[in-house]
Amino acid sequence: MTKLKIKSGDTVRVIAGDNKGQEGTVQKVLKDKNKAIVEGVNLVSKHQKPSATNPQGGIVKQEAPIHISNLSLLTAKGETTRVGYRIEGDKKVRFSKKSNEVI
């Protein structure tokens, strides 16, 4: 299994596909499928049967997973960057390859 450089809570921009240019926060990372669920990105319509929690039922919009390769991490300034790792003291930290700052 490959090491994923995007974690939940990161702010990312979609760099390829139908949702190109959209930004959001990663809610969940699906390691086994190399995909992530990003808030407000890749919305799909899902039909729901009426239930106790949703007595009306109907069509609900929800986020679908998007492949990690189509996402790019954003720096504090809002520009896309690649992710590197380095040891600082006795801790391994992620850093932005563009601005060289710790993420």
PDB file of N, CA and C in Angstrom:
ATOM      1  N   MET A   1       0.840  -1.184   0.000  1.00  0.00           N
ATOM      2  CA  MET A   1       0.000   0.000   0.000  1.00  0.00           C
ATOM      3  C   MET A   1       0.885   1.247   0.000  1.00  0.00           C
ATOM      4  N   THR A   2       0.478   2.239  -0.790  1.00  0.00           N
ATOM      5  CA  THR A   2       1.274   3.449  -0.901  1.00  0.00           C
ATOM      6  C   THR A   2       0.980   4.411   0.245  1.00  0.00           C
ATOM      7  N   LYS A   3       1.944   5.267   0.535  1.00  0.00           N
ATOM      8  CA  LYS A   3       1.788   6.284   1.576  1.00  0.00           C
ATOM      9  C   LYS A   3       1.026   7.455   0.981  1.00  0.00           C
ATOM     10  N   LEU A   4      -0.068   7.847   1.627  1.00  0.00           N
ATOM     11  CA  LEU A   4      -0.845   8.982   1.149  1.00  0.00           C
ATOM     12  C   LEU A   4      -0.360  10.257   1.832  1.00  0.00           C
ATOM     13  N   LYS A   5      -0.213  11.317   1.049  1.00  0.00           N
ATOM     14  CA  LYS A   5       0.327  12.561   1.586  1.00  0.00           C
ATOM     15  C   LYS A   5      -0.766  13.548   1.963  1.00  0.00           C
ATOM     16  N   ILE A   6      -2.027  13.135   1.812  1.00  0.00           N
ATOM     17  CA  ILE A   6      -3.153  13.983   2.194  1.00  0.00           C
ATOM     18  C   ILE A   6      -3.846  13.353   3.388  1.00  0.00           C
ATOM     19  N   LYS A   7      -4.140  14.160   4.396  1.00  0.00           N
ATOM     20  CA  LYS A   7      -4.798  13.668   5.610  1.00  0.00           C
ATOM     21  C   LYS A   7      -6.128  14.386   5.788  1.00  0.00           C
ATOM     22  N   SER A   8      -6.994  13.822   6.650  1.00  0.00           N
ATOM     23  CA  SER A   8      -8.268  14.491   6.907  1.00  0.00           C
ATOM     24  C   SER A   8      -8.001  15.797   7.641  1.00  0.00           C
ATOM     25  N   GLY A   9      -8.755  16.823   7.273  1.00  0.00           N
ATOM     26  CA  GLY A   9      -8.553  18.153   7.838  1.00  0.00           C
ATOM     27  C   GLY A   9      -7.741  19.063   6.930  1.00  0.00           C
ATOM     28  N   ASP A  10      -7.055  18.510   5.924  1.00  0.00           N
ATOM     29  CA  ASP A  10      -6.275  19.316   4.984  1.00  0.00           C
ATOM     30  C   ASP A  10      -7.209  20.082   4.046  1.00  0.00           C
ATOM     31  N   THR A  11      -6.777  21.247   3.616  1.00  0.00           N
ATOM     32  CA  THR A  11      -7.499  21.999   2.595  1.00  0.00           C
ATOM     33  C   THR A  11      -6.873  21.663   1.251  1.00  0.00           C
ATOM     34  N   VAL A  12      -7.705  21.240   0.300  1.00  0.00           N
ATOM     35  CA  VAL A  12      -7.198  20.787  -0.991  1.00  0.00           C
ATOM     36  C   VAL A  12      -7.955  21.462  -2.135  1.00  0.00           C
ATOM     37  N   ARG A  13      -7.327  21.431  -3.321  1.00  0.00           N
ATOM     38  CA  ARG A  13      -7.962  21.904  -4.555  1.00  0.00           C
ATOM     39  C   ARG A  13      -7.975  20.746  -5.538  1.00  0.00           C
ATOM     40  N   VAL A  14      -9.082  20.608  -6.277  1.00  0.00           N
ATOM     41  CA  VAL A  14      -9.190  19.571  -7.300  1.00  0.00           C
ATOM     42  C   VAL A  14      -8.454  20.070  -8.534  1.00  0.00           C
ATOM     43  N   ILE A  15      -7.500  19.265  -9.046  1.00  0.00           N
ATOM     44  CA  ILE A  15      -6.672  19.711 -10.165  1.00  0.00           C
ATOM     45  C   ILE A  15      -7.018  19.001 -11.473  1.00  0.00           C
ATOM     46  N   ALA A  16      -7.952  18.026 -11.430  1.00  0.00           N
ATOM     47  CA  ALA A  16      -8.337  17.312 -12.649  1.00  0.00           C
ATOM     48  C   ALA A  16      -9.749  16.787 -12.506  1.00  0.00           C
ATOM     49  N   GLY A  17     -10.410  16.589 -13.633  1.00  0.00           N
ATOM     50  CA  GLY A  17     -11.747  15.994 -13.621  1.00  0.00           C
ATOM     51  C   GLY A  17     -12.857  17.031 -13.709  1.00  0.00           C
ATOM     52  N   ASP A  18     -14.094  16.568 -13.525  1.00  0.00           N
ATOM     53  CA  ASP A  18     -15.275  17.426 -13.665  1.00  0.00           C
ATOM     54  C   ASP A  18     -15.308  18.555 -12.646  1.00  0.00           C
ATOM     55  N   ASN A  19     -14.729  18.338 -11.464  1.00  0.00           N
ATOM     56  CA  ASN A  19     -14.776  19.325 -10.383  1.00  0.00           C
ATOM     57  C   ASN A  19     -13.513  20.176 -10.303  1.00  0.00           C
ATOM     58  N   LYS A  20     -12.758  20.247 -11.399  1.00  0.00           N
ATOM     59  CA  LYS A  20     -11.477  20.965 -11.414  1.00  0.00           C
ATOM     60  C   LYS A  20     -11.645  22.406 -10.950  1.00  0.00           C
ATOM     61  N   GLY A  21     -10.756  22.841 -10.028  1.00  0.00           N
ATOM     62  CA  GLY A  21     -10.776  24.203  -9.520  1.00  0.00           C
ATOM     63  C   GLY A  21     -11.507  24.367  -8.204  1.00  0.00           C
ATOM     64  N   GLN A  22     -12.333  23.382  -7.830  1.00  0.00           N
ATOM     65  CA  GLN A  22     -13.062  23.493  -6.571  1.00  0.00           C
ATOM     66  C   GLN A  22     -12.135  23.214  -5.395  1.00  0.00           C
ATOM     67  N   GLU A  23     -12.435  23.854  -4.262  1.00  0.00           N
ATOM     68  CA  GLU A  23     -11.632  23.674  -3.058  1.00  0.00           C
ATOM     69  C   GLU A  23     -12.517  23.220  -1.910  1.00  0.00           C
ATOM     70  N   GLY A  24     -11.913  22.527  -0.961  1.00  0.00           N
ATOM     71  CA  GLY A  24     -12.655  22.081   0.212  1.00  0.00           C
ATOM     72  C   GLY A  24     -11.738  21.423   1.218  1.00  0.00           C
ATOM     73  N   THR A  25     -12.326  21.023   2.332  1.00  0.00           N
ATOM     74  CA  THR A  25     -11.586  20.365   3.403  1.00  0.00           C
ATOM     75  C   THR A  25     -11.814  18.867   3.310  1.00  0.00           C
ATOM     76  N   VAL A  26     -10.747  18.095   3.484  1.00  0.00           N
ATOM     77  CA  VAL A  26     -10.853  16.644   3.436  1.00  0.00           C
ATOM     78  C   VAL A  26     -11.561  16.167   4.708  1.00  0.00           C
ATOM     79  N   GLN A  27     -12.682  15.461   4.533  1.00  0.00           N
ATOM     80  CA  GLN A  27     -13.431  14.940   5.678  1.00  0.00           C
ATOM     81  C   GLN A  27     -12.946  13.556   6.066  1.00  0.00           C
ATOM     82  N   LYS A  28     -12.640  12.727   5.062  1.00  0.00           N
ATOM     83  CA  LYS A  28     -12.254  11.345   5.332  1.00  0.00           C
ATOM     84  C   LYS A  28     -11.343  10.858   4.219  1.00  0.00           C
ATOM     85  N   VAL A  29     -10.355  10.043   4.565  1.00  0.00           N
ATOM     86  CA  VAL A  29      -9.461   9.442   3.582  1.00  0.00           C
ATOM     87  C   VAL A  29      -9.701   7.936   3.572  1.00  0.00           C
ATOM     88  N   LEU A  30      -9.979   7.395   2.390  1.00  0.00           N
ATOM     89  CA  LEU A  30     -10.183   5.954   2.224  1.00  0.00           C
ATOM     90  C   LEU A  30      -8.875   5.361   1.712  1.00  0.00           C
ATOM     91  N   LYS A  31      -8.021   4.892   2.644  1.00  0.00           N
ATOM     92  CA  LYS A  31      -6.669   4.433   2.288  1.00  0.00           C
ATOM     93  C   LYS A  31      -6.673   3.259   1.329  1.00  0.00           C
ATOM     94  N   ASP A  32      -7.592   2.304   1.552  1.00  0.00           N
ATOM     95  CA  ASP A  32      -7.583   1.091   0.728  1.00  0.00           C
ATOM     96  C   ASP A  32      -7.942   1.373  -0.727  1.00  0.00           C
ATOM     97  N   LYS A  33      -8.699   2.448  -0.986  1.00  0.00           N
ATOM     98  CA  LYS A  33      -9.116   2.776  -2.348  1.00  0.00           C
ATOM     99  C   LYS A  33      -8.358   3.963  -2.936  1.00  0.00           C
ATOM    100  N   ASN A  34      -7.428   4.565  -2.157  1.00  0.00           N
ATOM    101  CA  ASN A  34      -6.681   5.762  -2.580  1.00  0.00           C
ATOM    102  C   ASN A  34      -7.607   6.921  -2.935  1.00  0.00           C
ATOM    103  N   LYS A  35      -8.678   7.083  -2.157  1.00  0.00           N
ATOM    104  CA  LYS A  35      -9.634   8.142  -2.419  1.00  0.00           C
ATOM    105  C   LYS A  35      -9.880   8.960  -1.155  1.00  0.00           C
ATOM    106  N   ALA A  36     -10.448  10.150  -1.352  1.00  0.00           N
ATOM    107  CA  ALA A  36     -10.783  11.018  -0.228  1.00  0.00           C
ATOM    108  C   ALA A  36     -12.147  11.639  -0.463  1.00  0.00           C
ATOM    109  N   ILE A  37     -12.847  11.931   0.631  1.00  0.00           N
ATOM    110  CA  ILE A  37     -14.121  12.634   0.555  1.00  0.00           C
ATOM    111  C   ILE A  37     -13.861  14.076   0.945  1.00  0.00           C
ATOM    112  N   VAL A  38     -14.147  15.002   0.000  1.00  0.00           N
ATOM    113  CA  VAL A  38     -13.867  16.424   0.206  1.00  0.00           C
ATOM    114  C   VAL A  38     -15.189  17.164   0.345  1.00  0.00           C
ATOM    115  N   GLU A  39     -15.261  18.024   1.352  1.00  0.00           N
ATOM    116  CA  GLU A  39     -16.495  18.761   1.664  1.00  0.00           C
ATOM    117  C   GLU A  39     -16.915  19.654   0.498  1.00  0.00           C
ATOM    118  N   GLY A  40     -18.129  19.453  -0.011  1.00  0.00           N
ATOM    119  CA  GLY A  40     -18.690  20.291  -1.066  1.00  0.00           C
ATOM    120  C   GLY A  40     -18.186  20.005  -2.466  1.00  0.00           C
ATOM    121  N   VAL A  41     -17.401  18.942  -2.643  1.00  0.00           N
ATOM    122  CA  VAL A  41     -16.831  18.607  -3.950  1.00  0.00           C
ATOM    123  C   VAL A  41     -17.337  17.233  -4.386  1.00  0.00           C
ATOM    124  N   ASN A  42     -17.568  17.070  -5.689  1.00  0.00           N
ATOM    125  CA  ASN A  42     -18.014  15.795  -6.274  1.00  0.00           C
ATOM    126  C   ASN A  42     -19.353  15.358  -5.672  1.00  0.00           C
ATOM    127  N   LEU A  43     -20.327  16.268  -5.703  1.00  0.00           N
ATOM    128  CA  LEU A  43     -21.650  15.980  -5.164  1.00  0.00           C
ATOM    129  C   LEU A  43     -22.436  15.083  -6.113  1.00  0.00           C
ATOM    130  N   VAL A  44     -23.090  14.078  -5.553  1.00  0.00           N
ATOM    131  CA  VAL A  44     -23.943  13.177  -6.328  1.00  0.00           C
ATOM    132  C   VAL A  44     -25.334  13.167  -5.693  1.00  0.00           C
ATOM    133  N   SER A  45     -26.348  12.890  -6.517  1.00  0.00           N
ATOM    134  CA  SER A  45     -27.724  12.797  -6.020  1.00  0.00           C
ATOM    135  C   SER A  45     -27.995  11.368  -5.597  1.00  0.00           C
ATOM    136  N   LYS A  46     -28.474  11.189  -4.380  1.00  0.00           N
ATOM    137  CA  LYS A  46     -28.759   9.859  -3.858  1.00  0.00           C
ATOM    138  C   LYS A  46     -30.233   9.804  -3.469  1.00  0.00           C
ATOM    139  N   HIS A  47     -30.923   8.796  -3.947  1.00  0.00           N
ATOM    140  CA  HIS A  47     -32.333   8.628  -3.605  1.00  0.00           C
ATOM    141  C   HIS A  47     -32.429   7.954  -2.247  1.00  0.00           C
ATOM    142  N   GLN A  48     -33.263   8.518  -1.370  1.00  0.00           N
ATOM    143  CA  GLN A  48     -33.422   7.953  -0.041  1.00  0.00           C
ATOM    144  C   GLN A  48     -34.874   7.585   0.210  1.00  0.00           C
ATOM    145  N   LYS A  49     -35.066   6.383   0.748  1.00  0.00           N
ATOM    146  CA  LYS A  49     -36.409   5.955   1.136  1.00  0.00           C
ATOM    147  C   LYS A  49     -36.797   6.690   2.422  1.00  0.00           C
ATOM    148  N   PRO A  50     -38.076   6.912   2.623  1.00  0.00           N
ATOM    149  CA  PRO A  50     -38.500   7.523   3.887  1.00  0.00           C
ATOM    150  C   PRO A  50     -38.110   6.644   5.072  1.00  0.00           C
ATOM    151  N   SER A  51     -37.594   7.276   6.137  1.00  0.00           N
ATOM    152  CA  SER A  51     -37.193   6.551   7.341  1.00  0.00           C
ATOM    153  C   SER A  51     -37.580   7.379   8.557  1.00  0.00           C
ATOM    154  N   ALA A  52     -37.247   6.880   9.732  1.00  0.00           N
ATOM    155  CA  ALA A  52     -37.575   7.601  10.965  1.00  0.00           C
ATOM    156  C   ALA A  52     -36.821   8.930  11.034  1.00  0.00           C
ATOM    157  N   THR A  53     -35.555   8.928  10.603  1.00  0.00           N
ATOM    158  CA  THR A  53     -34.757  10.162  10.660  1.00  0.00           C
ATOM    159  C   THR A  53     -35.142  11.118   9.536  1.00  0.00           C
ATOM    160  N   ASN A  54     -35.531  10.579   8.373  1.00  0.00           N
ATOM    161  CA  ASN A  54     -35.916  11.403   7.225  1.00  0.00           C
ATOM    162  C   ASN A  54     -37.284  10.928   6.734  1.00  0.00           C
ATOM    163  N   PRO A  55     -38.379  11.378   7.385  1.00  0.00           N
ATOM    164  CA  PRO A  55     -39.702  10.852   7.052  1.00  0.00           C
ATOM    165  C   PRO A  55     -40.165  11.213   5.639  1.00  0.00           C
ATOM    166  N   GLN A  56     -39.617  12.297   5.077  1.00  0.00           N
ATOM    167  CA  GLN A  56     -40.025  12.720   3.740  1.00  0.00           C
ATOM    168  C   GLN A  56     -39.381  11.864   2.643  1.00  0.00           C
ATOM    169  N   GLY A  57     -38.120  11.434   2.874  1.00  0.00           N
ATOM    170  CA  GLY A  57     -37.398  10.713   1.824  1.00  0.00           C
ATOM    171  C   GLY A  57     -36.958  11.693   0.757  1.00  0.00           C
ATOM    172  N   GLY A  58     -36.830  11.215  -0.493  1.00  0.00           N
ATOM    173  CA  GLY A  58     -36.511  12.107  -1.607  1.00  0.00           C
ATOM    174  C   GLY A  58     -35.068  11.996  -2.053  1.00  0.00           C
ATOM    175  N   ILE A  59     -34.626  13.023  -2.784  1.00  0.00           N
ATOM    176  CA  ILE A  59     -33.279  13.025  -3.359  1.00  0.00           C
ATOM    177  C   ILE A  59     -32.375  13.892  -2.497  1.00  0.00           C
ATOM    178  N   VAL A  60     -31.233  13.332  -2.087  1.00  0.00           N
ATOM    179  CA  VAL A  60     -30.290  14.017  -1.210  1.00  0.00           C
ATOM    180  C   VAL A  60     -28.960  14.151  -1.936  1.00  0.00           C
ATOM    181  N   LYS A  61     -28.359  15.341  -1.850  1.00  0.00           N
ATOM    182  CA  LYS A  61     -27.017  15.554  -2.414  1.00  0.00           C
ATOM    183  C   LYS A  61     -25.982  15.180  -1.363  1.00  0.00           C
ATOM    184  N   GLN A  62     -24.986  14.384  -1.758  1.00  0.00           N
ATOM    185  CA  GLN A  62     -23.908  14.059  -0.830  1.00  0.00           C
ATOM    186  C   GLN A  62     -22.600  13.902  -1.584  1.00  0.00           C
ATOM    187  N   GLU A  63     -21.488  14.012  -0.825  1.00  0.00           N
ATOM    188  CA  GLU A  63     -20.166  13.947  -1.438  1.00  0.00           C
ATOM    189  C   GLU A  63     -19.800  12.505  -1.764  1.00  0.00           C
ATOM    190  N   ALA A  64     -19.213  12.308  -2.935  1.00  0.00           N
ATOM    191  CA  ALA A  64     -18.695  11.001  -3.325  1.00  0.00           C
ATOM    192  C   ALA A  64     -17.170  11.062  -3.244  1.00  0.00           C
ATOM    193  N   PRO A  65     -16.510   9.911  -3.041  1.00  0.00           N
ATOM    194  CA  PRO A  65     -15.042   9.923  -2.971  1.00  0.00           C
ATOM    195  C   PRO A  65     -14.415  10.373  -4.294  1.00  0.00           C
ATOM    196  N   ILE A  66     -13.287  11.049  -4.187  1.00  0.00           N
ATOM    197  CA  ILE A  66     -12.533  11.494  -5.361  1.00  0.00           C
ATOM    198  C   ILE A  66     -11.100  10.987  -5.211  1.00  0.00           C
ATOM    199  N   HIS A  67     -10.471  10.598  -6.328  1.00  0.00           N
ATOM    200  CA  HIS A  67      -9.141   9.982  -6.266  1.00  0.00           C
ATOM    201  C   HIS A  67      -8.100  10.982  -5.777  1.00  0.00           C
ATOM    202  N   ILE A  68      -7.170  10.479  -4.949  1.00  0.00           N
ATOM    203  CA  ILE A  68      -6.127  11.312  -4.345  1.00  0.00           C
ATOM    204  C   ILE A  68      -5.273  12.011  -5.415  1.00  0.00           C
ATOM    205  N   SER A  69      -5.049  11.351  -6.544  1.00  0.00           N
ATOM    206  CA  SER A  69      -4.196  11.925  -7.588  1.00  0.00           C
ATOM    207  C   SER A  69      -4.816  13.174  -8.206  1.00  0.00           C
ATOM    208  N   ASN A  70      -6.121  13.376  -8.030  1.00  0.00           N
ATOM    209  CA  ASN A  70      -6.791  14.558  -8.572  1.00  0.00           C
ATOM    210  C   ASN A  70      -6.856  15.703  -7.563  1.00  0.00           C
ATOM    211  N   LEU A  71      -6.205  15.534  -6.419  1.00  0.00           N
ATOM    212  CA  LEU A  71      -6.215  16.555  -5.370  1.00  0.00           C
ATOM    213  C   LEU A  71      -4.814  17.105  -5.154  1.00  0.00           C
ATOM    214  N   SER A  72      -4.737  18.396  -4.837  1.00  0.00           N
ATOM    215  CA  SER A  72      -3.462  19.024  -4.509  1.00  0.00           C
ATOM    216  C   SER A  72      -3.627  19.834  -3.231  1.00  0.00           C
ATOM    217  N   LEU A  73      -2.681  19.706  -2.335  1.00  0.00           N
ATOM    218  CA  LEU A  73      -2.732  20.393  -1.046  1.00  0.00           C
ATOM    219  C   LEU A  73      -2.540  21.895  -1.244  1.00  0.00           C
ATOM    220  N   LEU A  74      -3.222  22.697  -0.424  1.00  0.00           N
ATOM    221  CA  LEU A  74      -3.079  24.150  -0.488  1.00  0.00           C
ATOM    222  C   LEU A  74      -2.234  24.651   0.673  1.00  0.00           C
ATOM    223  N   THR A  75      -1.392  25.649   0.387  1.00  0.00           N
ATOM    224  CA  THR A  75      -0.589  26.274   1.441  1.00  0.00           C
ATOM    225  C   THR A  75      -1.454  27.309   2.162  1.00  0.00           C
ATOM    226  N   ALA A  76      -0.891  27.954   3.159  1.00  0.00           N
ATOM    227  CA  ALA A  76      -1.606  28.986   3.912  1.00  0.00           C
ATOM    228  C   ALA A  76      -1.979  30.165   3.011  1.00  0.00           C
ATOM    229  N   LYS A  77      -1.167  30.411   1.974  1.00  0.00           N
ATOM    230  CA  LYS A  77      -1.439  31.510   1.040  1.00  0.00           C
ATOM    231  C   LYS A  77      -2.474  31.129  -0.011  1.00  0.00           C
ATOM    232  N   GLY A  78      -2.859  29.846  -0.069  1.00  0.00           N
ATOM    233  CA  GLY A  78      -3.878  29.408  -1.018  1.00  0.00           C
ATOM    234  C   GLY A  78      -3.337  28.948  -2.353  1.00  0.00           C
ATOM    235  N   GLU A  79      -2.047  28.583  -2.409  1.00  0.00           N
ATOM    236  CA  GLU A  79      -1.490  28.062  -3.660  1.00  0.00           C
ATOM    237  C   GLU A  79      -1.242  26.563  -3.526  1.00  0.00           C
ATOM    238  N   THR A  80      -1.356  25.851  -4.650  1.00  0.00           N
ATOM    239  CA  THR A  80      -1.170  24.401  -4.620  1.00  0.00           C
ATOM    240  C   THR A  80       0.302  24.071  -4.439  1.00  0.00           C
ATOM    241  N   THR A  81       0.562  22.928  -3.812  1.00  0.00           N
ATOM    242  CA  THR A  81       1.943  22.529  -3.552  1.00  0.00           C
ATOM    243  C   THR A  81       2.035  21.021  -3.448  1.00  0.00           C
ATOM    244  N   ARG A  82       3.241  20.502  -3.645  1.00  0.00           N
ATOM    245  CA  ARG A  82       3.492  19.086  -3.382  1.00  0.00           C
ATOM    246  C   ARG A  82       3.962  18.968  -1.941  1.00  0.00           C
ATOM    247  N   VAL A  83       3.920  17.734  -1.428  1.00  0.00           N
ATOM    248  CA  VAL A  83       4.227  17.500  -0.017  1.00  0.00           C
ATOM    249  C   VAL A  83       5.524  16.713   0.105  1.00  0.00           C
ATOM    250  N   GLY A  84       6.380  17.146   1.026  1.00  0.00           N
ATOM    251  CA  GLY A  84       7.604  16.416   1.330  1.00  0.00           C
ATOM    252  C   GLY A  84       7.646  16.106   2.815  1.00  0.00           C
ATOM    253  N   TYR A  85       8.569  15.252   3.198  1.00  0.00           N
ATOM    254  CA  TYR A  85       8.752  14.894   4.610  1.00  0.00           C
ATOM    255  C   TYR A  85      10.182  15.181   5.016  1.00  0.00           C
ATOM    256  N   ARG A  86      10.373  15.598   6.260  1.00  0.00           N
ATOM    257  CA  ARG A  86      11.717  15.766   6.805  1.00  0.00           C
ATOM    258  C   ARG A  86      11.658  15.572   8.312  1.00  0.00           C
ATOM    259  N   ILE A  87      12.830  15.321   8.892  1.00  0.00           N
ATOM    260  CA  ILE A  87      12.931  15.133  10.340  1.00  0.00           C
ATOM    261  C   ILE A  87      13.363  16.451  10.962  1.00  0.00           C
ATOM    262  N   GLU A  88      12.554  16.953  11.893  1.00  0.00           N
ATOM    263  CA  GLU A  88      12.918  18.153  12.642  1.00  0.00           C
ATOM    264  C   GLU A  88      13.014  17.760  14.103  1.00  0.00           C
ATOM    265  N   GLY A  89      14.226  17.772  14.619  1.00  0.00           N
ATOM    266  CA  GLY A  89      14.456  17.301  15.992  1.00  0.00           C
ATOM    267  C   GLY A  89      14.264  15.791  16.005  1.00  0.00           C
ATOM    268  N   ASP A  90      13.240  15.330  16.706  1.00  0.00           N
ATOM    269  CA  ASP A  90      12.960  13.893  16.707  1.00  0.00           C
ATOM    270  C   ASP A  90      11.587  13.606  16.111  1.00  0.00           C
ATOM    271  N   LYS A  91      11.012  14.594  15.394  1.00  0.00           N
ATOM    272  CA  LYS A  91       9.692  14.417  14.793  1.00  0.00           C
ATOM    273  C   LYS A  91       9.768  14.452  13.283  1.00  0.00           C
ATOM    274  N   LYS A  92       8.943  13.622  12.632  1.00  0.00           N
ATOM    275  CA  LYS A  92       8.817  13.640  11.183  1.00  0.00           C
ATOM    276  C   LYS A  92       7.674  14.585  10.844  1.00  0.00           C
ATOM    277  N   VAL A  93       7.954  15.603  10.021  1.00  0.00           N
ATOM    278  CA  VAL A  93       6.945  16.600   9.688  1.00  0.00           C
ATOM    279  C   VAL A  93       6.733  16.681   8.183  1.00  0.00           C
ATOM    280  N   ARG A  94       5.510  17.089   7.793  1.00  0.00           N
ATOM    281  CA  ARG A  94       5.210  17.334   6.384  1.00  0.00           C
ATOM    282  C   ARG A  94       5.526  18.792   6.086  1.00  0.00           C
ATOM    283  N   PHE A  95       6.066  19.053   4.881  1.00  0.00           N
ATOM    284  CA  PHE A  95       6.336  20.440   4.511  1.00  0.00           C
ATOM    285  C   PHE A  95       5.956  20.680   3.057  1.00  0.00           C
ATOM    286  N   SER A  96       5.688  21.953   2.761  1.00  0.00           N
ATOM    287  CA  SER A  96       5.324  22.375   1.416  1.00  0.00           C
ATOM    288  C   SER A  96       6.588  22.491   0.583  1.00  0.00           C
ATOM    289  N   LYS A  97       6.619  21.823  -0.564  1.00  0.00           N
ATOM    290  CA  LYS A  97       7.817  21.892  -1.410  1.00  0.00           C
ATOM    291  C   LYS A  97       7.934  23.246  -2.096  1.00  0.00           C
ATOM    292  N   LYS A  98       6.805  23.976  -2.225  1.00  0.00           N
ATOM    293  CA  LYS A  98       6.826  25.269  -2.896  1.00  0.00           C
ATOM    294  C   LYS A  98       7.363  26.356  -1.967  1.00  0.00           C
ATOM    295  N   SER A  99       6.834  26.401  -0.725  1.00  0.00           N
ATOM    296  CA  SER A  99       7.219  27.485   0.169  1.00  0.00           C
ATOM    297  C   SER A  99       8.159  27.009   1.286  1.00  0.00           C
ATOM    298  N   ASN A 100       8.422  25.704   1.357  1.00  0.00           N
ATOM    299  CA  ASN A 100       9.325  25.099   2.331  1.00  0.00           C
ATOM    300  C   ASN A 100       8.858  25.284   3.776  1.00  0.00           C
ATOM    301  N   GLU A 101       7.557  25.550   3.990  1.00  0.00           N
ATOM    302  CA  GLU A 101       7.044  25.732   5.356  1.00  0.00           C
ATOM    303  C   GLU A 101       6.383  24.456   5.837  1.00  0.00           C
ATOM    304  N   VAL A 102       6.417  24.218   7.145  1.00  0.00           N
ATOM    305  CA  VAL A 102       5.823  23.036   7.734  1.00  0.00           C
ATOM    306  C   VAL A 102       4.304  23.136   7.684  1.00  0.00           C
ATOM    307  N   ILE A 103       3.664  22.038   7.301  1.00  0.00           N
ATOM    308  CA  ILE A 103       2.205  22.006   7.191  1.00  0.00           C
ATOM    309  C   ILE A 103       1.616  21.545   8.514  1.00  0.00           C
TER     310      ILE A 103
END
